[in-house]
Amino acid sequence: MKKIFFTGILSILLVSASFAQVKVGVTAGLNVSNLVQSGADNNYKAGFQAGVVADFGISENFSVIPELLFSQRGGKSKTNLDLAGNRVSMSESARINYLQLPVNAAYKFNVGNGSKLFVFAGPYFGYGLSGEMKNEIKSGGAIMNTTGDIKFGSEEGEVKRFDLGINAGVGYQFNKVFFKLQYNPGLVNFSNVKNNSMKNTNIAVSAGYNFFVKN
């Protein structure tokens, strides 16, 4: 998957000159993500994403749109137990920071006055940069908090560094400004624990501005 990630970046750079129009800009937005795990009931956790975006126009209505993003993914869960008459509340929160390369094919519909609506879909490739796990246990009036870094690797106490998933969404473009709403289901099980599955899933709202346009 590492080869796929870097091959994708190189391919974008090599073919950019063949497109009819090229736009380059910046984008940022809100992630609401979850870790889908077997046997667990996790909840969504807020994060953010930001980076650069290019729009390679093949025609007036069709474009290939890659992005290079810093993107926060993760999830949280809460469990209540009754142990020997004592109520114990356990909360867990995980965040993983990724360098992500989404590559979308977009079809745009002209709606007048320089505005376009568009739909898009494509794959994303992710490379884990860092991560953090937080745990909180409450029992009676006592609270115990622990924090630790998420480690990448192939051992049982580590998680796989690479991620792969799908982008699908809709957007609105007005001249150089655009807005997007997208859903990102992950396809890779990045858990190393036997008989356990853990995948990213994410909903993102973002905005962007194309500061460079070449016809």
C-alpha atoms as a PDB file:
ATOM      1  CA  MET A   1       0.000   0.000   0.000  1.00  0.00           C
ATOM      2  CA  LYS A   2       2.984   2.287   0.552  1.00  0.00           C
ATOM      3  CA  LYS A   3       3.834   1.976  -3.143  1.00  0.00           C
ATOM      4  CA  ILE A   4       0.238   2.807  -4.080  1.00  0.00           C
ATOM      5  CA  PHE A   5       0.324   5.961  -1.924  1.00  0.00           C
ATOM      6  CA  PHE A   6       3.464   7.422  -3.457  1.00  0.00           C
ATOM      7  CA  THR A   7       2.680   6.196  -6.971  1.00  0.00           C
ATOM      8  CA  GLY A   8      -0.612   8.093  -6.760  1.00  0.00           C
ATOM      9  CA  ILE A   9       1.165  11.356  -5.912  1.00  0.00           C
ATOM     10  CA  LEU A  10       3.687  10.901  -8.740  1.00  0.00           C
ATOM     11  CA  SER A  11       0.974  10.073 -11.280  1.00  0.00           C
ATOM     12  CA  ILE A  12      -0.940  13.251 -10.444  1.00  0.00           C
ATOM     13  CA  LEU A  13       2.168  15.380 -10.996  1.00  0.00           C
ATOM     14  CA  LEU A  14       3.023  13.730 -14.310  1.00  0.00           C
ATOM     15  CA  VAL A  15      -0.410  13.964 -15.933  1.00  0.00           C
ATOM     16  CA  SER A  16      -1.442  17.427 -14.710  1.00  0.00           C
ATOM     17  CA  ALA A  17      -0.126  19.140 -17.857  1.00  0.00           C
ATOM     18  CA  SER A  18      -2.580  17.239 -20.081  1.00  0.00           C
ATOM     19  CA  PHE A  19      -5.743  18.767 -18.582  1.00  0.00           C
ATOM     20  CA  ALA A  20      -7.703  21.631 -20.104  1.00  0.00           C
ATOM     21  CA  GLN A  21      -7.889  23.614 -16.859  1.00  0.00           C
ATOM     22  CA  VAL A  22      -5.956  23.356 -13.599  1.00  0.00           C
ATOM     23  CA  LYS A  23      -6.984  24.898 -10.287  1.00  0.00           C
ATOM     24  CA  VAL A  24      -4.930  24.797  -7.093  1.00  0.00           C
ATOM     25  CA  GLY A  25      -6.167  25.831  -3.674  1.00  0.00           C
ATOM     26  CA  VAL A  26      -6.485  25.181   0.030  1.00  0.00           C
ATOM     27  CA  THR A  27      -9.216  23.392   1.958  1.00  0.00           C
ATOM     28  CA  ALA A  28     -10.192  22.799   5.591  1.00  0.00           C
ATOM     29  CA  GLY A  29     -13.130  21.360   7.462  1.00  0.00           C
ATOM     30  CA  LEU A  30     -14.662  19.291  10.238  1.00  0.00           C
ATOM     31  CA  ASN A  31     -14.448  15.513  10.584  1.00  0.00           C
ATOM     32  CA  VAL A  32     -16.958  13.485  12.597  1.00  0.00           C
ATOM     33  CA  SER A  33     -15.377  10.041  12.762  1.00  0.00           C
ATOM     34  CA  ASN A  34     -15.826   6.649  14.374  1.00  0.00           C
ATOM     35  CA  LEU A  35     -13.885   3.417  14.781  1.00  0.00           C
ATOM     36  CA  VAL A  36     -16.101   0.545  13.706  1.00  0.00           C
ATOM     37  CA  GLN A  37     -15.038  -2.442  15.811  1.00  0.00           C
ATOM     38  CA  SER A  38     -16.316  -5.969  16.127  1.00  0.00           C
ATOM     39  CA  GLY A  39     -18.091  -6.447  19.473  1.00  0.00           C
ATOM     40  CA  ALA A  40     -17.909  -2.763  20.438  1.00  0.00           C
ATOM     41  CA  ASP A  41     -20.355   0.140  20.445  1.00  0.00           C
ATOM     42  CA  ASN A  42     -18.276   3.203  19.633  1.00  0.00           C
ATOM     43  CA  ASN A  43     -19.470   6.778  19.185  1.00  0.00           C
ATOM     44  CA  TYR A  44     -18.422   9.546  16.841  1.00  0.00           C
ATOM     45  CA  LYS A  45     -15.615  11.948  17.709  1.00  0.00           C
ATOM     46  CA  ALA A  46     -14.978  15.401  16.237  1.00  0.00           C
ATOM     47  CA  GLY A  47     -11.698  16.310  14.543  1.00  0.00           C
ATOM     48  CA  PHE A  48     -10.475  18.448  11.666  1.00  0.00           C
ATOM     49  CA  GLN A  49      -8.801  18.196   8.299  1.00  0.00           C
ATOM     50  CA  ALA A  50      -6.784  20.697   6.273  1.00  0.00           C
ATOM     51  CA  GLY A  51      -4.531  20.696   3.255  1.00  0.00           C
ATOM     52  CA  VAL A  52      -4.124  21.498  -0.416  1.00  0.00           C
ATOM     53  CA  VAL A  53      -6.371  20.592  -3.335  1.00  0.00           C
ATOM     54  CA  ALA A  54      -6.077  20.559  -7.134  1.00  0.00           C
ATOM     55  CA  ASP A  55      -8.855  20.432  -9.727  1.00  0.00           C
ATOM     56  CA  PHE A  56      -7.809  19.047 -13.121  1.00  0.00           C
ATOM     57  CA  GLY A  57     -10.590  19.842 -15.587  1.00  0.00           C
ATOM     58  CA  ILE A  58     -10.951  17.309 -18.383  1.00  0.00           C
ATOM     59  CA  SER A  59     -14.000  19.133 -19.719  1.00  0.00           C
ATOM     60  CA  GLU A  60     -16.356  21.862 -18.557  1.00  0.00           C
ATOM     61  CA  ASN A  61     -18.306  19.336 -16.481  1.00  0.00           C
ATOM     62  CA  PHE A  62     -15.844  16.595 -15.540  1.00  0.00           C
ATOM     63  CA  SER A  63     -12.783  16.904 -13.271  1.00  0.00           C
ATOM     64  CA  VAL A  64     -10.260  14.803 -11.384  1.00  0.00           C
ATOM     65  CA  ILE A  65      -9.734  16.304  -7.905  1.00  0.00           C
ATOM     66  CA  PRO A  66      -6.866  15.053  -5.704  1.00  0.00           C
ATOM     67  CA  GLU A  67      -6.170  16.443  -2.241  1.00  0.00           C
ATOM     68  CA  LEU A  68      -3.293  16.091   0.215  1.00  0.00           C
ATOM     69  CA  LEU A  69      -4.634  16.430   3.753  1.00  0.00           C
ATOM     70  CA  PHE A  70      -3.765  16.258   7.405  1.00  0.00           C
ATOM     71  CA  SER A  71      -6.839  14.447   8.731  1.00  0.00           C
ATOM     72  CA  GLN A  72      -7.868  13.459  12.259  1.00  0.00           C
ATOM     73  CA  ARG A  73      -9.837  10.221  12.663  1.00  0.00           C
ATOM     74  CA  GLY A  74     -10.887   8.306  15.765  1.00  0.00           C
ATOM     75  CA  GLY A  75     -13.772   7.405  18.023  1.00  0.00           C
ATOM     76  CA  LYS A  76     -14.924   7.127  21.616  1.00  0.00           C
ATOM     77  CA  SER A  77     -16.900   4.721  23.759  1.00  0.00           C
ATOM     78  CA  LYS A  78     -18.432   4.550  27.237  1.00  0.00           C
ATOM     79  CA  THR A  79     -19.307   1.472  29.300  1.00  0.00           C
ATOM     80  CA  ASN A  80     -21.107   1.254  32.644  1.00  0.00           C
ATOM     81  CA  LEU A  81     -20.608  -1.780  34.893  1.00  0.00           C
ATOM     82  CA  ASP A  82     -21.945  -2.889  38.281  1.00  0.00           C
ATOM     83  CA  LEU A  83     -19.099  -4.568  40.193  1.00  0.00           C
ATOM     84  CA  ALA A  84     -19.943  -5.854  43.676  1.00  0.00           C
ATOM     85  CA  GLY A  85     -22.547  -3.144  44.121  1.00  0.00           C
ATOM     86  CA  ASN A  86     -20.256  -0.381  42.868  1.00  0.00           C
ATOM     87  CA  ARG A  87     -21.121   1.435  39.665  1.00  0.00           C
ATOM     88  CA  VAL A  88     -18.066   1.754  37.447  1.00  0.00           C
ATOM     89  CA  SER A  89     -18.016   3.997  34.374  1.00  0.00           C
ATOM     90  CA  MET A  90     -15.276   3.474  31.779  1.00  0.00           C
ATOM     91  CA  SER A  91     -14.685   5.932  28.930  1.00  0.00           C
ATOM     92  CA  GLU A  92     -12.216   5.491  26.069  1.00  0.00           C
ATOM     93  CA  SER A  93     -11.218   7.983  23.380  1.00  0.00           C
ATOM     94  CA  ALA A  94      -8.852   7.397  20.455  1.00  0.00           C
ATOM     95  CA  ARG A  95      -7.469   9.810  17.863  1.00  0.00           C
ATOM     96  CA  ILE A  96      -5.264   8.928  14.884  1.00  0.00           C
ATOM     97  CA  ASN A  97      -3.672  11.617  12.729  1.00  0.00           C
ATOM     98  CA  TYR A  98      -3.280  10.706   9.058  1.00  0.00           C
ATOM     99  CA  LEU A  99      -1.662  12.109   5.960  1.00  0.00           C
ATOM    100  CA  GLN A 100      -4.361  11.364   3.395  1.00  0.00           C
ATOM    101  CA  LEU A 101      -4.513  11.396  -0.384  1.00  0.00           C
ATOM    102  CA  PRO A 102      -8.116  11.349  -1.692  1.00  0.00           C
ATOM    103  CA  VAL A 103      -8.483  11.207  -5.480  1.00  0.00           C
ATOM    104  CA  ASN A 104     -12.015  12.003  -6.667  1.00  0.00           C
ATOM    105  CA  ALA A 105     -13.748  12.001 -10.024  1.00  0.00           C
ATOM    106  CA  ALA A 106     -16.311  14.828 -10.057  1.00  0.00           C
ATOM    107  CA  TYR A 107     -19.174  15.693 -12.382  1.00  0.00           C
ATOM    108  CA  LYS A 108     -20.344  19.304 -12.262  1.00  0.00           C
ATOM    109  CA  PHE A 109     -23.755  20.764 -13.154  1.00  0.00           C
ATOM    110  CA  ASN A 110     -23.951  24.427 -14.168  1.00  0.00           C
ATOM    111  CA  VAL A 111     -26.669  26.242 -12.190  1.00  0.00           C
ATOM    112  CA  GLY A 112     -25.969  29.784 -13.420  1.00  0.00           C
ATOM    113  CA  ASN A 113     -24.179  32.915 -12.209  1.00  0.00           C
ATOM    114  CA  GLY A 114     -20.815  31.179 -11.941  1.00  0.00           C
ATOM    115  CA  SER A 115     -22.230  28.457  -9.687  1.00  0.00           C
ATOM    116  CA  LYS A 116     -21.955  24.683 -10.024  1.00  0.00           C
ATOM    117  CA  LEU A 117     -23.294  21.726  -8.107  1.00  0.00           C
ATOM    118  CA  PHE A 118     -21.153  18.599  -8.245  1.00  0.00           C
ATOM    119  CA  VAL A 119     -21.090  14.973  -7.170  1.00  0.00           C
ATOM    120  CA  PHE A 120     -17.868  13.049  -6.648  1.00  0.00           C
ATOM    121  CA  ALA A 121     -16.474   9.663  -5.694  1.00  0.00           C
ATOM    122  CA  GLY A 122     -13.109   7.939  -5.515  1.00  0.00           C
ATOM    123  CA  PRO A 123     -10.589   6.235  -3.227  1.00  0.00           C
ATOM    124  CA  TYR A 124      -8.516   7.663  -0.423  1.00  0.00           C
ATOM    125  CA  PHE A 125      -5.108   6.465   0.792  1.00  0.00           C
ATOM    126  CA  GLY A 126      -4.018   7.156   4.376  1.00  0.00           C
ATOM    127  CA  TYR A 127      -0.673   7.060   6.182  1.00  0.00           C
ATOM    128  CA  GLY A 128      -0.753   7.149   9.990  1.00  0.00           C
ATOM    129  CA  LEU A 129       1.450   9.878  11.477  1.00  0.00           C
ATOM    130  CA  SER A 130       0.620   9.716  15.186  1.00  0.00           C
ATOM    131  CA  GLY A 131      -2.135   8.772  17.591  1.00  0.00           C
ATOM    132  CA  GLU A 132      -3.295   9.017  21.184  1.00  0.00           C
ATOM    133  CA  MET A 133      -5.514   6.905  23.427  1.00  0.00           C
ATOM    134  CA  LYS A 134      -7.228   8.293  26.553  1.00  0.00           C
ATOM    135  CA  ASN A 135      -9.008   6.232  29.221  1.00  0.00           C
ATOM    136  CA  GLU A 136     -11.062   7.357  32.200  1.00  0.00           C
ATOM    137  CA  ILE A 137     -12.448   5.108  34.960  1.00  0.00           C
ATOM    138  CA  LYS A 138     -14.943   6.445  37.523  1.00  0.00           C
ATOM    139  CA  SER A 139     -15.893   4.448  40.605  1.00  0.00           C
ATOM    140  CA  GLY A 140     -17.723   6.193  43.426  1.00  0.00           C
ATOM    141  CA  GLY A 141     -15.907   9.483  43.895  1.00  0.00           C
ATOM    142  CA  ALA A 142     -12.625   8.222  42.488  1.00  0.00           C
ATOM    143  CA  ILE A 143     -11.448   9.042  38.952  1.00  0.00           C
ATOM    144  CA  MET A 144      -8.444   7.496  37.230  1.00  0.00           C
ATOM    145  CA  ASN A 145      -7.156   8.862  33.914  1.00  0.00           C
ATOM    146  CA  THR A 146      -4.532   7.318  31.664  1.00  0.00           C
ATOM    147  CA  THR A 147      -3.097   8.580  28.372  1.00  0.00           C
ATOM    148  CA  GLY A 148      -0.819   6.820  25.919  1.00  0.00           C
ATOM    149  CA  ASP A 149       0.465   7.084  22.364  1.00  0.00           C
ATOM    150  CA  ILE A 150      -0.904   4.776  19.680  1.00  0.00           C
ATOM    151  CA  LYS A 151       1.937   2.772  18.152  1.00  0.00           C
ATOM    152  CA  PHE A 152       2.073   1.641  14.521  1.00  0.00           C
ATOM    153  CA  GLY A 153       3.347  -1.777  13.513  1.00  0.00           C
ATOM    154  CA  SER A 154       2.396  -5.439  13.195  1.00  0.00           C
ATOM    155  CA  GLU A 155       2.392  -6.475  16.860  1.00  0.00           C
ATOM    156  CA  GLU A 156      -0.843  -7.138  18.767  1.00  0.00           C
ATOM    157  CA  GLY A 157      -0.514  -3.952  20.837  1.00  0.00           C
ATOM    158  CA  GLU A 158      -0.006  -1.848  17.690  1.00  0.00           C
ATOM    159  CA  VAL A 159      -2.166  -0.815  14.714  1.00  0.00           C
ATOM    160  CA  LYS A 160      -1.439  -0.906  11.001  1.00  0.00           C
ATOM    161  CA  ARG A 161      -0.149   2.409   9.666  1.00  0.00           C
ATOM    162  CA  PHE A 162      -1.846   2.364   6.233  1.00  0.00           C
ATOM    163  CA  ASP A 163      -5.517   2.961   5.558  1.00  0.00           C
ATOM    164  CA  LEU A 164      -7.617   2.753   2.403  1.00  0.00           C
ATOM    165  CA  GLY A 165     -11.232   3.746   1.859  1.00  0.00           C
ATOM    166  CA  ILE A 166     -13.856   5.415  -0.312  1.00  0.00           C
ATOM    167  CA  ASN A 167     -14.961   9.037  -0.765  1.00  0.00           C
ATOM    168  CA  ALA A 168     -18.474   9.870  -1.887  1.00  0.00           C
ATOM    169  CA  GLY A 169     -20.207  13.209  -1.626  1.00  0.00           C
ATOM    170  CA  VAL A 170     -21.747  16.356  -3.033  1.00  0.00           C
ATOM    171  CA  GLY A 171     -20.543  19.924  -3.295  1.00  0.00           C
ATOM    172  CA  TYR A 172     -21.220  23.482  -4.386  1.00  0.00           C
ATOM    173  CA  GLN A 173     -18.790  25.742  -6.240  1.00  0.00           C
ATOM    174  CA  PHE A 174     -19.070  29.501  -6.745  1.00  0.00           C
ATOM    175  CA  ASN A 175     -16.215  30.913  -8.801  1.00  0.00           C
ATOM    176  CA  LYS A 176     -13.097  30.094  -6.720  1.00  0.00           C
ATOM    177  CA  VAL A 177     -14.921  29.067  -3.522  1.00  0.00           C
ATOM    178  CA  PHE A 178     -16.330  25.583  -2.881  1.00  0.00           C
ATOM    179  CA  PHE A 179     -18.071  23.574  -0.161  1.00  0.00           C
ATOM    180  CA  LYS A 180     -18.289  19.777   0.228  1.00  0.00           C
ATOM    181  CA  LEU A 181     -20.161  17.167   2.248  1.00  0.00           C
ATOM    182  CA  GLN A 182     -18.748  13.635   2.053  1.00  0.00           C
ATOM    183  CA  TYR A 183     -18.859  10.174   3.584  1.00  0.00           C
ATOM    184  CA  ASN A 184     -15.670   8.104   3.974  1.00  0.00           C
ATOM    185  CA  PRO A 185     -16.041   4.413   4.861  1.00  0.00           C
ATOM    186  CA  GLY A 186     -12.716   2.688   5.501  1.00  0.00           C
ATOM    187  CA  LEU A 187     -11.982  -0.665   3.859  1.00  0.00           C
ATOM    188  CA  VAL A 188      -8.856  -1.731   5.780  1.00  0.00           C
ATOM    189  CA  ASN A 189      -8.894  -3.608   9.077  1.00  0.00           C
ATOM    190  CA  PHE A 190      -5.960  -1.941  10.834  1.00  0.00           C
ATOM    191  CA  SER A 191      -6.211  -4.000  14.038  1.00  0.00           C
ATOM    192  CA  ASN A 192      -3.542  -6.626  14.693  1.00  0.00           C
ATOM    193  CA  VAL A 193      -5.668  -8.469  17.274  1.00  0.00           C
ATOM    194  CA  LYS A 194      -6.800 -11.905  16.118  1.00  0.00           C
ATOM    195  CA  ASN A 195     -10.539 -12.203  15.358  1.00  0.00           C
ATOM    196  CA  ASN A 196     -10.982  -8.445  15.798  1.00  0.00           C
ATOM    197  CA  SER A 197     -11.880  -5.898  13.112  1.00  0.00           C
ATOM    198  CA  MET A 198     -11.347  -2.136  13.395  1.00  0.00           C
ATOM    199  CA  LYS A 199     -12.047   0.253  10.524  1.00  0.00           C
ATOM    200  CA  ASN A 200     -12.311   4.011  10.122  1.00  0.00           C
ATOM    201  CA  THR A 201     -15.536   5.692   9.096  1.00  0.00           C
ATOM    202  CA  ASN A 202     -15.978   9.434   8.701  1.00  0.00           C
ATOM    203  CA  ILE A 203     -18.372  12.231   7.723  1.00  0.00           C
ATOM    204  CA  ALA A 204     -16.705  15.487   6.660  1.00  0.00           C
ATOM    205  CA  VAL A 205     -17.870  19.036   5.936  1.00  0.00           C
ATOM    206  CA  SER A 206     -15.265  21.248   4.303  1.00  0.00           C
ATOM    207  CA  ALA A 207     -14.720  24.500   2.434  1.00  0.00           C
ATOM    208  CA  GLY A 208     -11.966  25.631   0.118  1.00  0.00           C
ATOM    209  CA  TYR A 209     -10.587  28.396  -2.070  1.00  0.00           C
ATOM    210  CA  ASN A 210      -8.762  28.013  -5.392  1.00  0.00           C
ATOM    211  CA  PHE A 211      -6.142  30.758  -5.440  1.00  0.00           C
ATOM    212  CA  PHE A 212      -4.542  29.628  -8.742  1.00  0.00           C
ATOM    213  CA  VAL A 213      -6.396  28.940 -11.989  1.00  0.00           C
ATOM    214  CA  LYS A 214      -4.695  28.029 -15.283  1.00  0.00           C
ATOM    215  CA  ASN A 215      -6.750  27.652 -18.477  1.00  0.00           C
END
